[in-house]
Amino acid sequence: MKAKPFIKWVGGKGQLIEQLEALLPADFDKWENVTYIEPFVGGGAMLFYILKK
């Protein structure tokens, strides 16, 4: 299931989720006390994808 940004954003990351996920550490979903910072959140596609996982 693709992340659904809350607004359409030119240059958004919604279409790049698979490529971006491949760049995350393999055990990223098991890390505790992680602070995720995305300075140019745009529509939030990557943020919502990470929160969902």
C-alpha atoms as a PDB file:
ATOM      1  CA  MET A   1       0.000   0.000   0.000  1.00  0.00           C
ATOM      2  CA  LYS A   2       1.377   3.409  -0.974  1.00  0.00           C
ATOM      3  CA  ALA A   3       1.637   6.270   1.468  1.00  0.00           C
ATOM      4  CA  LYS A   4      -1.084   8.858   0.965  1.00  0.00           C
ATOM      5  CA  PRO A   5       0.207  12.415   1.389  1.00  0.00           C
ATOM      6  CA  PHE A   6      -2.247  14.875   2.910  1.00  0.00           C
ATOM      7  CA  ILE A   7      -1.764  17.245  -0.047  1.00  0.00           C
ATOM      8  CA  LYS A   8      -0.524  16.843  -3.606  1.00  0.00           C
ATOM      9  CA  TRP A   9       3.012  18.209  -3.800  1.00  0.00           C
ATOM     10  CA  VAL A  10       5.082  18.802  -6.909  1.00  0.00           C
ATOM     11  CA  GLY A  11       8.245  16.737  -6.502  1.00  0.00           C
ATOM     12  CA  GLY A  12       6.674  14.717  -3.673  1.00  0.00           C
ATOM     13  CA  LYS A  13       8.208  11.473  -2.466  1.00  0.00           C
ATOM     14  CA  GLY A  14       5.063   9.336  -2.774  1.00  0.00           C
ATOM     15  CA  GLN A  15       6.300   7.773  -5.994  1.00  0.00           C
ATOM     16  CA  LEU A  16       9.785   7.180  -4.554  1.00  0.00           C
ATOM     17  CA  ILE A  17       8.786   5.281  -1.396  1.00  0.00           C
ATOM     18  CA  GLU A  18      10.289   1.964  -2.564  1.00  0.00           C
ATOM     19  CA  GLN A  19      13.614   3.569  -3.495  1.00  0.00           C
ATOM     20  CA  LEU A  20      13.772   5.574  -0.268  1.00  0.00           C
ATOM     21  CA  GLU A  21      12.870   2.561   1.876  1.00  0.00           C
ATOM     22  CA  ALA A  22      15.773   0.641   0.310  1.00  0.00           C
ATOM     23  CA  LEU A  23      18.118   3.324   1.700  1.00  0.00           C
ATOM     24  CA  LEU A  24      16.914   2.871   5.281  1.00  0.00           C
ATOM     25  CA  PRO A  25      18.784   0.428   7.544  1.00  0.00           C
ATOM     26  CA  ALA A  26      17.286  -3.095   7.346  1.00  0.00           C
ATOM     27  CA  ASP A  27      16.357  -3.088  11.043  1.00  0.00           C
ATOM     28  CA  PHE A  28      15.072   0.507  11.106  1.00  0.00           C
ATOM     29  CA  ASP A  29      11.573  -0.599  12.158  1.00  0.00           C
ATOM     30  CA  LYS A  30      13.040  -2.188  15.321  1.00  0.00           C
ATOM     31  CA  TRP A  31      14.942   0.908  16.507  1.00  0.00           C
ATOM     32  CA  GLU A  32      13.661   2.570  19.655  1.00  0.00           C
ATOM     33  CA  ASN A  33      13.861   6.240  20.613  1.00  0.00           C
ATOM     34  CA  VAL A  34      14.385   7.378  17.019  1.00  0.00           C
ATOM     35  CA  THR A  35      13.898  10.982  15.999  1.00  0.00           C
ATOM     36  CA  TYR A  36      12.898  11.252  12.349  1.00  0.00           C
ATOM     37  CA  ILE A  37      13.618  14.668  10.867  1.00  0.00           C
ATOM     38  CA  GLU A  38      12.448  15.672   7.423  1.00  0.00           C
ATOM     39  CA  PRO A  39      13.074  19.401   6.981  1.00  0.00           C
ATOM     40  CA  PHE A  40      11.077  19.648   3.741  1.00  0.00           C
ATOM     41  CA  VAL A  41       8.136  17.412   4.607  1.00  0.00           C
ATOM     42  CA  GLY A  42       5.971  18.570   1.672  1.00  0.00           C
ATOM     43  CA  GLY A  43       2.943  16.271   1.564  1.00  0.00           C
ATOM     44  CA  GLY A  44       4.423  13.967   4.206  1.00  0.00           C
ATOM     45  CA  ALA A  45       4.476  10.762   2.121  1.00  0.00           C
ATOM     46  CA  MET A  46       7.681   9.400   3.665  1.00  0.00           C
ATOM     47  CA  LEU A  47       6.714  10.474   7.177  1.00  0.00           C
ATOM     48  CA  PHE A  48       3.327   8.748   6.972  1.00  0.00           C
ATOM     49  CA  TYR A  49       4.899   5.648   5.428  1.00  0.00           C
ATOM     50  CA  ILE A  50       7.391   5.360   8.306  1.00  0.00           C
ATOM     51  CA  LEU A  51       4.678   5.977  10.911  1.00  0.00           C
ATOM     52  CA  LYS A  52       2.478   3.314   9.323  1.00  0.00           C
ATOM     53  CA  LYS A  53       5.282   0.748   9.427  1.00  0.00           C
END
